[in-house]
Structures are given as structure tokens and as C-alpha cells.
Amino acid sequence: MKKWCLLSLLPLLCLTPTAQAAQHAELGCQRLRIDLDPALTEEAVEREWQSGEPRKERPASLQWVGCDGQVLSQLPLAAPLARLDPRPLRGASHPTFLVSADLTQEAGSYNGPLTTAMEVVSNRLQVVMVRPAGGKGRTVPLQLTQTLKSSWKRVDDGQGEALLAVRSQPSEGRFTTTFSRYDLSRGHWRVTSRTQQGLWESDADFPADTAFPASPRPAAADR
């Protein structure tokens, strides 16, 4: 199978061609991979993804594997069905990937795949933490949901990549919709959000980029 290798500030990155969903990505002789229950195959993951069928298999895990095949670091995932986007987020200080665990259930508007940003730092996996753009408030995991009332996408912001997320939820008898932008500022992930009244659902078009807050990145001269 052919592979493409990308040269950047990160280590040599070789990507197996997939449709934005895979079970592994290679960085030089090291590899990031999804470890599934032995009863599951990659084909089964794709076939059952977002089916909502109850699973009996153990939850998947994300593994960072060294050049000798040894597992150097491992993090548990939230469900048996899991996959990763093999494209690293551009502009990140460390190799950073989006890893999804399928939490879809047969009923309900607020469950579906949960995507978490994971980074490799000093041969260890860790969840990317994000803080409000103003610098105030606690850090939280960078996690995105895909449900009937929420969605997200990757966008080019001119200096790397950002993540745009939309989510609707009931509030005091009516729906409000929150528009959030996640991006990097001086090497740290920040989130900027705004909320307005109204309902957004996934059968509608994804909101225009102008519906989201502007990037809080400093100007190039200030960096």
C-alpha cells in the first residue's frame, strides 16, 4: 500500500491513505494506533459506526508504539468502536490527532461520536487541554461531539488549523445555540464561544464560518 510522507516542523510523518478515518498513523518508525477488542475488526468498526447497537466488547484504547514495537504509552477510550483521523492538526506544537469513540445510542438527540484531541509529548500520550481565550477559567479536555444537535469541523485559519463546533441545547424552555472556536495562541489551545437563542440541528447546513467568534491569535508581530 502506498504512503505519503510529509516534512514539517514535526517528525517525518507517513500517512496511509484513508477516507479521514483510520486505525493508525506513522511518525517515522513510531506509530499511533487504535487497539480494538480482539472480537472487532477495522471493517466491523466502519460497518457498525453510529449504528447505536449495544456493544459487549471492551473499550478500545489509543497506543503510542515505539520503533521496536513496544507500547510506550496508552490511553483508554470511551467505547469499543473507535477510530482516528490520520491527519495531524497543523500548527500544533506537538503531533496532535483527533480520536473518536462512538457513544451513539438508538434513542436520544445528544449522543454520538465523541472526538478528543490527543497529543504526543516526550513519547507519552496526553489529552489536549483547552482554556477560555481570555485566560480566565479552568482548563478542560478538548472534546467535540457529533449528534443530532451538535457538530464540528476543521478549518484553515492561515497559521495552522482551528476547530469550529456548534451545539444546541434547551435552556429555560427554549433552545440556545453555542458557536465555539478552538485554536492555538502562543502554543496553547484556547476556546472562544458565543451563544444565541435558536435551534440548530444536524440536518441543516453547517453554520457559516462568520457565525463563529474571530480567532484570538495574536498578530504575527506580537508572537
C-alpha atoms as a PDB file:
ATOM      1  CA  MET A   1       0.000   0.000   0.000  1.00  0.00           C
ATOM      2  CA  LYS A   2       1.330   3.446  -0.928  1.00  0.00           C
ATOM      3  CA  LYS A   3       2.087   6.048   1.708  1.00  0.00           C
ATOM      4  CA  TRP A   4       2.689   9.791   1.595  1.00  0.00           C
ATOM      5  CA  CYS A   5       5.364  11.336   3.806  1.00  0.00           C
ATOM      6  CA  LEU A   6       5.072  14.960   4.928  1.00  0.00           C
ATOM      7  CA  LEU A   7       8.005  17.117   6.007  1.00  0.00           C
ATOM      8  CA  SER A   8       7.287  19.805   8.591  1.00  0.00           C
ATOM      9  CA  LEU A   9       8.500  21.015  11.990  1.00  0.00           C
ATOM     10  CA  LEU A  10       7.192  17.705  13.335  1.00  0.00           C
ATOM     11  CA  PRO A  11       8.992  14.390  12.814  1.00  0.00           C
ATOM     12  CA  LEU A  12       8.674  12.740   9.404  1.00  0.00           C
ATOM     13  CA  LEU A  13       5.011  11.788   9.115  1.00  0.00           C
ATOM     14  CA  CYS A  14       3.849   8.980   6.831  1.00  0.00           C
ATOM     15  CA  LEU A  15       0.112   8.624   6.264  1.00  0.00           C
ATOM     16  CA  THR A  16      -1.680   5.563   4.995  1.00  0.00           C
ATOM     17  CA  PRO A  17      -4.315   6.852   2.522  1.00  0.00           C
ATOM     18  CA  THR A  18      -7.782   6.599   4.077  1.00  0.00           C
ATOM     19  CA  ALA A  19     -11.068   8.473   3.979  1.00  0.00           C
ATOM     20  CA  GLN A  20     -10.190  10.654   7.017  1.00  0.00           C
ATOM     21  CA  ALA A  21     -10.724   7.699   9.361  1.00  0.00           C
ATOM     22  CA  ALA A  22      -8.162   5.047  10.191  1.00  0.00           C
ATOM     23  CA  GLN A  23      -6.746   2.815  12.877  1.00  0.00           C
ATOM     24  CA  HIS A  24      -3.165   4.082  12.773  1.00  0.00           C
ATOM     25  CA  ALA A  25      -0.783   6.866  11.715  1.00  0.00           C
ATOM     26  CA  GLU A  26       3.005   6.583  11.480  1.00  0.00           C
ATOM     27  CA  LEU A  27       5.622   9.115  12.588  1.00  0.00           C
ATOM     28  CA  GLY A  28       8.951   7.875  11.304  1.00  0.00           C
ATOM     29  CA  CYS A  29       9.418   4.397  12.749  1.00  0.00           C
ATOM     30  CA  GLN A  30       6.939   5.089  15.567  1.00  0.00           C
ATOM     31  CA  ARG A  31       3.201   4.670  15.309  1.00  0.00           C
ATOM     32  CA  LEU A  32      -0.065   5.842  16.797  1.00  0.00           C
ATOM     33  CA  ARG A  33      -2.739   3.150  16.688  1.00  0.00           C
ATOM     34  CA  ILE A  34      -6.202   2.193  17.898  1.00  0.00           C
ATOM     35  CA  ASP A  35      -6.198  -1.080  19.861  1.00  0.00           C
ATOM     36  CA  LEU A  36      -9.579  -2.803  19.429  1.00  0.00           C
ATOM     37  CA  ASP A  37     -11.112  -5.717  21.294  1.00  0.00           C
ATOM     38  CA  PRO A  38      -9.971  -8.930  19.518  1.00  0.00           C
ATOM     39  CA  ALA A  39     -13.605  -9.587  18.552  1.00  0.00           C
ATOM     40  CA  LEU A  40     -13.661  -6.416  16.417  1.00  0.00           C
ATOM     41  CA  THR A  41     -12.054  -5.709  13.053  1.00  0.00           C
ATOM     42  CA  GLU A  42     -11.485  -2.402  11.266  1.00  0.00           C
ATOM     43  CA  GLU A  43     -14.225  -3.415   8.824  1.00  0.00           C
ATOM     44  CA  ALA A  44     -16.640  -4.022  11.710  1.00  0.00           C
ATOM     45  CA  VAL A  45     -15.889  -0.582  13.133  1.00  0.00           C
ATOM     46  CA  GLU A  46     -16.753   1.089   9.840  1.00  0.00           C
ATOM     47  CA  ARG A  47     -19.851  -1.074   9.339  1.00  0.00           C
ATOM     48  CA  GLU A  48     -21.219  -0.517  12.863  1.00  0.00           C
ATOM     49  CA  TRP A  49     -20.181   3.137  13.264  1.00  0.00           C
ATOM     50  CA  GLN A  50     -23.107   5.208  14.612  1.00  0.00           C
ATOM     51  CA  SER A  51     -25.463   2.222  14.409  1.00  0.00           C
ATOM     52  CA  GLY A  52     -26.362   2.613  18.092  1.00  0.00           C
ATOM     53  CA  GLU A  53     -26.260  -1.143  18.638  1.00  0.00           C
ATOM     54  CA  PRO A  54     -25.237  -2.143  22.196  1.00  0.00           C
ATOM     55  CA  ARG A  55     -21.634  -3.389  22.356  1.00  0.00           C
ATOM     56  CA  LYS A  56     -20.273  -6.178  24.531  1.00  0.00           C
ATOM     57  CA  GLU A  57     -16.625  -5.731  23.587  1.00  0.00           C
ATOM     58  CA  ARG A  58     -14.143  -3.959  25.851  1.00  0.00           C
ATOM     59  CA  PRO A  59     -13.469  -0.265  25.183  1.00  0.00           C
ATOM     60  CA  ALA A  60     -10.755   0.492  22.670  1.00  0.00           C
ATOM     61  CA  SER A  61      -7.525   2.227  23.636  1.00  0.00           C
ATOM     62  CA  LEU A  62      -5.089   4.559  21.916  1.00  0.00           C
ATOM     63  CA  GLN A  63      -1.484   3.350  21.865  1.00  0.00           C
ATOM     64  CA  TRP A  64       1.824   5.031  21.066  1.00  0.00           C
ATOM     65  CA  VAL A  65       4.187   2.358  19.781  1.00  0.00           C
ATOM     66  CA  GLY A  66       7.969   2.658  19.577  1.00  0.00           C
ATOM     67  CA  CYS A  67      10.301   1.632  16.772  1.00  0.00           C
ATOM     68  CA  ASP A  68      10.811  -1.792  18.377  1.00  0.00           C
ATOM     69  CA  GLY A  69       7.063  -2.461  18.585  1.00  0.00           C
ATOM     70  CA  GLN A  70       6.850  -1.802  22.318  1.00  0.00           C
ATOM     71  CA  VAL A  71       3.826   0.148  23.593  1.00  0.00           C
ATOM     72  CA  LEU A  72       5.337   3.301  25.111  1.00  0.00           C
ATOM     73  CA  SER A  73       2.088   4.956  26.190  1.00  0.00           C
ATOM     74  CA  GLN A  74      -1.600   4.094  26.244  1.00  0.00           C
ATOM     75  CA  LEU A  75      -4.867   5.877  26.978  1.00  0.00           C
ATOM     76  CA  PRO A  76      -8.302   4.236  27.347  1.00  0.00           C
ATOM     77  CA  LEU A  77     -11.124   5.382  25.067  1.00  0.00           C
ATOM     78  CA  ALA A  78     -14.793   5.671  25.935  1.00  0.00           C
ATOM     79  CA  ALA A  79     -16.258   2.934  23.709  1.00  0.00           C
ATOM     80  CA  PRO A  80     -15.380  -0.272  21.814  1.00  0.00           C
ATOM     81  CA  LEU A  81     -15.848   1.385  18.395  1.00  0.00           C
ATOM     82  CA  ALA A  82     -13.073   3.920  17.842  1.00  0.00           C
ATOM     83  CA  ARG A  83     -11.059   5.417  15.022  1.00  0.00           C
ATOM     84  CA  LEU A  84      -8.668   8.285  14.386  1.00  0.00           C
ATOM     85  CA  ASP A  85      -8.165  10.939  11.757  1.00  0.00           C
ATOM     86  CA  PRO A  86      -4.637  10.237  10.454  1.00  0.00           C
ATOM     87  CA  ARG A  87      -4.058  13.901   9.558  1.00  0.00           C
ATOM     88  CA  PRO A  88      -2.233  15.767  12.347  1.00  0.00           C
ATOM     89  CA  LEU A  89      -3.583  19.184  13.277  1.00  0.00           C
ATOM     90  CA  ARG A  90      -1.386  21.725  11.509  1.00  0.00           C
ATOM     91  CA  GLY A  91       0.280  24.377  13.658  1.00  0.00           C
ATOM     92  CA  ALA A  92       0.313  22.358  16.893  1.00  0.00           C
ATOM     93  CA  SER A  93       3.495  22.358  18.998  1.00  0.00           C
ATOM     94  CA  HIS A  94       3.384  18.553  19.301  1.00  0.00           C
ATOM     95  CA  PRO A  95       1.985  15.839  16.991  1.00  0.00           C
ATOM     96  CA  THR A  96      -1.758  16.174  17.652  1.00  0.00           C
ATOM     97  CA  PHE A  97      -4.527  13.918  16.343  1.00  0.00           C
ATOM     98  CA  LEU A  98      -8.307  13.689  16.643  1.00  0.00           C
ATOM     99  CA  VAL A  99      -9.506  10.361  18.064  1.00  0.00           C
ATOM    100  CA  SER A 100     -13.201   9.396  18.099  1.00  0.00           C
ATOM    101  CA  ALA A 101     -15.131   6.930  20.254  1.00  0.00           C
ATOM    102  CA  ASP A 102     -18.677   6.067  19.192  1.00  0.00           C
ATOM    103  CA  LEU A 103     -21.168   6.762  22.004  1.00  0.00           C
ATOM    104  CA  THR A 104     -24.207   6.589  19.730  1.00  0.00           C
ATOM    105  CA  GLN A 105     -27.379   5.121  21.246  1.00  0.00           C
ATOM    106  CA  GLU A 106     -30.576   4.148  19.483  1.00  0.00           C
ATOM    107  CA  ALA A 107     -32.578   6.955  21.106  1.00  0.00           C
ATOM    108  CA  GLY A 108     -31.649  10.476  22.067  1.00  0.00           C
ATOM    109  CA  SER A 109     -30.549  13.703  20.418  1.00  0.00           C
ATOM    110  CA  TYR A 110     -27.416  14.261  22.486  1.00  0.00           C
ATOM    111  CA  ASN A 111     -25.320  11.144  21.941  1.00  0.00           C
ATOM    112  CA  GLY A 112     -22.985  10.198  19.127  1.00  0.00           C
ATOM    113  CA  PRO A 113     -19.247  10.049  18.407  1.00  0.00           C
ATOM    114  CA  LEU A 114     -17.078  11.856  20.962  1.00  0.00           C
ATOM    115  CA  THR A 115     -13.853  13.201  19.446  1.00  0.00           C
ATOM    116  CA  THR A 116     -10.887  14.049  21.662  1.00  0.00           C
ATOM    117  CA  ALA A 117      -7.680  15.844  20.672  1.00  0.00           C
ATOM    118  CA  MET A 118      -4.651  13.773  21.724  1.00  0.00           C
ATOM    119  CA  GLU A 119      -1.000  14.814  21.555  1.00  0.00           C
ATOM    120  CA  VAL A 120       2.332  13.009  21.808  1.00  0.00           C
ATOM    121  CA  VAL A 121       4.723  14.737  24.209  1.00  0.00           C
ATOM    122  CA  SER A 122       8.088  13.140  25.091  1.00  0.00           C
ATOM    123  CA  ASN A 123       6.825   9.735  23.904  1.00  0.00           C
ATOM    124  CA  ARG A 124       3.719   9.980  26.083  1.00  0.00           C
ATOM    125  CA  LEU A 125       0.095  10.358  25.043  1.00  0.00           C
ATOM    126  CA  GLN A 126      -1.975  13.037  26.708  1.00  0.00           C
ATOM    127  CA  VAL A 127      -5.326  14.709  26.188  1.00  0.00           C
ATOM    128  CA  VAL A 128      -5.102  18.252  24.853  1.00  0.00           C
ATOM    129  CA  MET A 129      -6.409  20.736  27.414  1.00  0.00           C
ATOM    130  CA  VAL A 130      -8.068  24.000  26.428  1.00  0.00           C
ATOM    131  CA  ARG A 131      -8.695  27.255  28.310  1.00  0.00           C
ATOM    132  CA  PRO A 132     -11.086  30.156  27.572  1.00  0.00           C
ATOM    133  CA  ALA A 133      -9.438  32.699  25.274  1.00  0.00           C
ATOM    134  CA  GLY A 134      -9.478  35.437  27.924  1.00  0.00           C
ATOM    135  CA  GLY A 135      -7.178  33.380  30.136  1.00  0.00           C
ATOM    136  CA  LYS A 136      -9.753  33.089  32.911  1.00  0.00           C
ATOM    137  CA  GLY A 137     -11.498  29.848  33.781  1.00  0.00           C
ATOM    138  CA  ARG A 138     -10.381  26.280  34.240  1.00  0.00           C
ATOM    139  CA  THR A 139      -8.842  24.118  31.550  1.00  0.00           C
ATOM    140  CA  VAL A 140     -10.978  21.310  30.132  1.00  0.00           C
ATOM    141  CA  PRO A 141     -10.290  18.482  27.653  1.00  0.00           C
ATOM    142  CA  LEU A 142     -10.600  19.471  24.007  1.00  0.00           C
ATOM    143  CA  GLN A 143     -13.582  17.294  23.074  1.00  0.00           C
ATOM    144  CA  LEU A 144     -16.093  17.605  20.239  1.00  0.00           C
ATOM    145  CA  THR A 145     -19.445  15.878  19.713  1.00  0.00           C
ATOM    146  CA  GLN A 146     -21.352  14.771  16.638  1.00  0.00           C
ATOM    147  CA  THR A 147     -25.056  14.389  17.474  1.00  0.00           C
ATOM    148  CA  LEU A 148     -28.441  15.448  16.128  1.00  0.00           C
ATOM    149  CA  LYS A 149     -27.868  18.860  17.735  1.00  0.00           C
ATOM    150  CA  SER A 150     -24.102  19.309  17.549  1.00  0.00           C
ATOM    151  CA  SER A 151     -21.315  19.094  15.011  1.00  0.00           C
ATOM    152  CA  TRP A 152     -17.823  20.387  14.271  1.00  0.00           C
ATOM    153  CA  LYS A 153     -15.252  20.761  11.508  1.00  0.00           C
ATOM    154  CA  ARG A 154     -11.574  21.535  10.878  1.00  0.00           C
ATOM    155  CA  VAL A 155     -10.725  24.845   9.177  1.00  0.00           C
ATOM    156  CA  ASP A 156      -7.581  26.571   7.910  1.00  0.00           C
ATOM    157  CA  ASP A 157      -7.006  29.807   9.814  1.00  0.00           C
ATOM    158  CA  GLY A 158      -3.960  30.986   7.869  1.00  0.00           C
ATOM    159  CA  GLN A 159      -1.386  29.994  10.521  1.00  0.00           C
ATOM    160  CA  GLY A 160      -2.475  26.420  11.053  1.00  0.00           C
ATOM    161  CA  GLU A 161      -5.806  24.803  11.782  1.00  0.00           C
ATOM    162  CA  ALA A 162      -8.716  25.667  14.043  1.00  0.00           C
ATOM    163  CA  LEU A 163     -11.782  23.686  15.074  1.00  0.00           C
ATOM    164  CA  LEU A 164     -15.300  25.088  14.813  1.00  0.00           C
ATOM    165  CA  ALA A 165     -18.052  23.494  16.913  1.00  0.00           C
ATOM    166  CA  VAL A 166     -21.788  24.198  17.070  1.00  0.00           C
ATOM    167  CA  ARG A 167     -24.134  22.878  19.771  1.00  0.00           C
ATOM    168  CA  SER A 168     -27.790  23.461  20.607  1.00  0.00           C
ATOM    169  CA  GLN A 169     -29.345  22.663  23.972  1.00  0.00           C
ATOM    170  CA  PRO A 170     -32.506  23.572  25.891  1.00  0.00           C
ATOM    171  CA  SER A 171     -32.345  26.464  28.324  1.00  0.00           C
ATOM    172  CA  GLU A 172     -35.306  27.754  30.350  1.00  0.00           C
ATOM    173  CA  GLY A 173     -37.899  26.327  27.989  1.00  0.00           C
ATOM    174  CA  ARG A 174     -36.205  27.349  24.754  1.00  0.00           C
ATOM    175  CA  PHE A 175     -33.158  26.357  22.747  1.00  0.00           C
ATOM    176  CA  THR A 176     -29.882  28.216  22.644  1.00  0.00           C
ATOM    177  CA  THR A 177     -27.038  27.556  20.235  1.00  0.00           C
ATOM    178  CA  THR A 178     -23.362  27.959  21.116  1.00  0.00           C
ATOM    179  CA  PHE A 179     -20.715  28.632  18.469  1.00  0.00           C
ATOM    180  CA  SER A 180     -17.162  27.795  19.604  1.00  0.00           C
ATOM    181  CA  ARG A 181     -13.753  28.249  18.010  1.00  0.00           C
ATOM    182  CA  TYR A 182     -10.762  26.244  19.228  1.00  0.00           C
ATOM    183  CA  ASP A 183      -7.347  27.385  18.082  1.00  0.00           C
ATOM    184  CA  LEU A 184      -3.750  27.873  19.153  1.00  0.00           C
ATOM    185  CA  SER A 185      -2.403  31.060  20.676  1.00  0.00           C
ATOM    186  CA  ARG A 186       1.282  31.174  21.650  1.00  0.00           C
ATOM    187  CA  GLY A 187       1.410  27.387  21.642  1.00  0.00           C
ATOM    188  CA  HIS A 188      -1.657  26.858  23.847  1.00  0.00           C
ATOM    189  CA  TRP A 189      -5.163  25.815  22.865  1.00  0.00           C
ATOM    190  CA  ARG A 190      -7.859  28.396  23.579  1.00  0.00           C
ATOM    191  CA  VAL A 191     -11.628  28.365  23.062  1.00  0.00           C
ATOM    192  CA  THR A 192     -13.789  31.372  22.261  1.00  0.00           C
ATOM    193  CA  SER A 193     -17.581  30.966  22.322  1.00  0.00           C
ATOM    194  CA  ARG A 194     -20.739  32.929  21.789  1.00  0.00           C
ATOM    195  CA  THR A 195     -24.348  31.867  22.412  1.00  0.00           C
ATOM    196  CA  GLN A 196     -27.571  32.979  20.815  1.00  0.00           C
ATOM    197  CA  GLN A 197     -31.198  31.948  21.006  1.00  0.00           C
ATOM    198  CA  GLY A 198     -32.435  29.449  18.435  1.00  0.00           C
ATOM    199  CA  LEU A 199     -32.085  25.810  17.433  1.00  0.00           C
ATOM    200  CA  TRP A 200     -29.560  24.214  15.090  1.00  0.00           C
ATOM    201  CA  GLU A 201     -29.849  20.570  14.019  1.00  0.00           C
ATOM    202  CA  SER A 202     -27.524  18.373  12.013  1.00  0.00           C
ATOM    203  CA  ASP A 203     -29.858  18.043   9.034  1.00  0.00           C
ATOM    204  CA  ALA A 204     -29.184  21.733   8.324  1.00  0.00           C
ATOM    205  CA  ASP A 205     -26.040  23.116   6.695  1.00  0.00           C
ATOM    206  CA  PHE A 206     -23.091  23.671   8.988  1.00  0.00           C
ATOM    207  CA  PRO A 207     -23.106  27.332  10.050  1.00  0.00           C
ATOM    208  CA  ALA A 208     -21.003  29.773   8.052  1.00  0.00           C
ATOM    209  CA  ASP A 209     -17.540  30.492   9.453  1.00  0.00           C
ATOM    210  CA  THR A 210     -18.672  34.069  10.138  1.00  0.00           C
ATOM    211  CA  ALA A 211     -21.149  32.738  12.733  1.00  0.00           C
ATOM    212  CA  PHE A 212     -18.215  31.814  14.972  1.00  0.00           C
ATOM    213  CA  PRO A 213     -16.029  34.131  17.067  1.00  0.00           C
ATOM    214  CA  ALA A 214     -12.978  35.584  15.364  1.00  0.00           C
ATOM    215  CA  SER A 215      -9.624  33.977  16.054  1.00  0.00           C
ATOM    216  CA  PRO A 216      -7.937  35.177  19.273  1.00  0.00           C
ATOM    217  CA  ARG A 217      -4.475  34.559  17.770  1.00  0.00           C
ATOM    218  CA  PRO A 218      -2.056  37.470  18.262  1.00  0.00           C
ATOM    219  CA  ALA A 219      -0.873  39.302  15.198  1.00  0.00           C
ATOM    220  CA  ALA A 220       2.336  37.966  13.696  1.00  0.00           C
ATOM    221  CA  ALA A 221       4.318  40.935  15.057  1.00  0.00           C
ATOM    222  CA  ASP A 222       3.169  40.119  18.591  1.00  0.00           C
ATOM    223  CA  ARG A 223       4.111  36.450  18.519  1.00  0.00           C
END
